[in-house]
């Protein structure tokens, strides 16, 4: 997990395994194409962290092979992570 530059020169969350190598995790609907991954489940099937939406706001996402990248609901009182 982490981030790498994609073909559009945007920072995109990615995962890596010996079997697949580095794989970009895509984008959330309405996102800017930029994201980073810093958390992964113990079995490697779920990744989470932050993605960017227009206006420079960051929002939380989760990613799984079956769902792709999904924006998580905002915490009451504002976006996560607080900036």
Protein backbone atom coordinates (compact mmCIF):
# COMPACT_ATOMS: atom_id res chain seq x y z
CA UNK A 1 0.00 0.00 0.00
CA UNK A 2 1.04 3.57 -0.53
CA UNK A 3 0.86 5.84 -3.54
CA UNK A 4 2.52 6.24 -6.90
CA UNK A 5 2.20 8.53 -9.90
CA UNK A 6 -0.36 7.22 -12.40
CA UNK A 7 -0.54 7.80 -16.15
CA UNK A 8 -2.14 11.22 -15.61
CA UNK A 9 0.76 12.20 -13.29
CA UNK A 10 -1.61 12.20 -10.28
CA UNK A 11 -0.71 10.60 -6.94
CA UNK A 12 -2.87 7.46 -6.77
CA UNK A 13 -3.28 4.97 -3.93
CA UNK A 14 -1.81 1.59 -4.79
CA UNK A 15 -1.25 -1.85 -3.40
CA UNK A 16 1.53 -4.33 -4.08
CA UNK A 17 1.89 -8.07 -3.88
CA UNK A 18 4.46 -10.48 -5.24
CA UNK A 19 1.80 -12.03 -7.48
CA UNK A 20 0.45 -8.79 -9.01
CA UNK A 21 3.16 -6.20 -8.53
CA UNK A 22 1.99 -2.61 -8.03
CA UNK A 23 -1.69 -1.99 -8.80
CA UNK A 24 -3.43 1.40 -8.80
CA UNK A 25 -6.63 1.46 -6.72
CA UNK A 26 -8.55 3.94 -8.89
CA UNK A 27 -10.60 6.88 -7.66
CA UNK A 28 -13.78 7.65 -5.75
CA UNK A 29 -16.78 8.87 -7.77
CA UNK A 30 -16.38 12.63 -8.25
CA UNK A 31 -12.77 12.54 -7.07
CA UNK A 32 -9.82 14.40 -8.53
CA UNK A 33 -7.86 11.22 -9.28
CA UNK A 34 -5.55 11.73 -6.31
CA UNK A 35 -5.43 9.47 -3.24
CA UNK A 36 -3.07 7.75 -0.82
CA UNK A 37 -3.33 4.47 1.08
CA UNK A 38 -1.80 4.05 4.53
CA UNK A 39 -3.95 1.34 6.14
CA UNK A 40 -4.57 -2.25 5.11
CA UNK A 41 -6.37 -5.17 6.74
CA UNK A 42 -4.27 -8.05 8.05
CA UNK A 43 -5.25 -10.25 5.10
CA UNK A 44 -4.65 -7.48 2.54
CA UNK A 45 -8.19 -7.45 1.16
CA UNK A 46 -9.25 -3.99 2.39
CA UNK A 47 -7.27 -0.75 2.04
CA UNK A 48 -8.22 2.65 3.46
CA UNK A 49 -7.12 6.26 3.83
CA UNK A 50 -7.81 9.53 2.01
CA UNK A 51 -8.82 10.72 -1.45
CA UNK A 52 -9.21 14.24 -2.76
CA UNK A 53 -12.35 15.85 -4.13
CA UNK A 54 -12.62 19.19 -5.98
CA UNK A 55 -11.84 22.17 -3.77
CA UNK A 56 -8.86 20.45 -2.13
CA UNK A 57 -10.92 18.61 0.48
CA UNK A 58 -9.84 15.16 1.63
CA UNK A 59 -12.33 12.41 2.35
CA UNK A 60 -11.95 8.89 3.73
CA UNK A 61 -12.23 5.86 1.45
CA UNK A 62 -12.10 2.12 1.63
CA UNK A 63 -11.09 -0.17 -1.22
CA UNK A 64 -11.74 -3.85 -1.79
CA UNK A 65 -11.32 -5.89 -4.96
CA UNK A 66 -15.07 -6.52 -5.10
CA UNK A 67 -16.15 -2.87 -4.59
CA UNK A 68 -13.29 -0.73 -5.80
CA UNK A 69 -12.72 2.60 -4.07
CA UNK A 70 -15.72 3.81 -2.06
CA UNK A 71 -16.04 7.13 -0.27
CA UNK A 72 -16.85 6.69 3.42
CA UNK A 73 -19.38 8.95 5.18
CA UNK A 74 -18.04 12.12 6.78
CA UNK A 75 -17.82 12.25 10.54
CA UNK A 76 -20.41 14.54 12.09
CA UNK A 77 -19.02 18.06 12.15
CA UNK A 78 -16.80 17.85 9.07
CA UNK A 79 -14.55 15.86 6.80
CA UNK A 80 -11.89 13.39 7.81
CA UNK A 81 -9.05 13.85 8.34
CA UNK A 82 -9.41 17.20 10.03
CA UNK A 83 -7.03 19.72 8.53
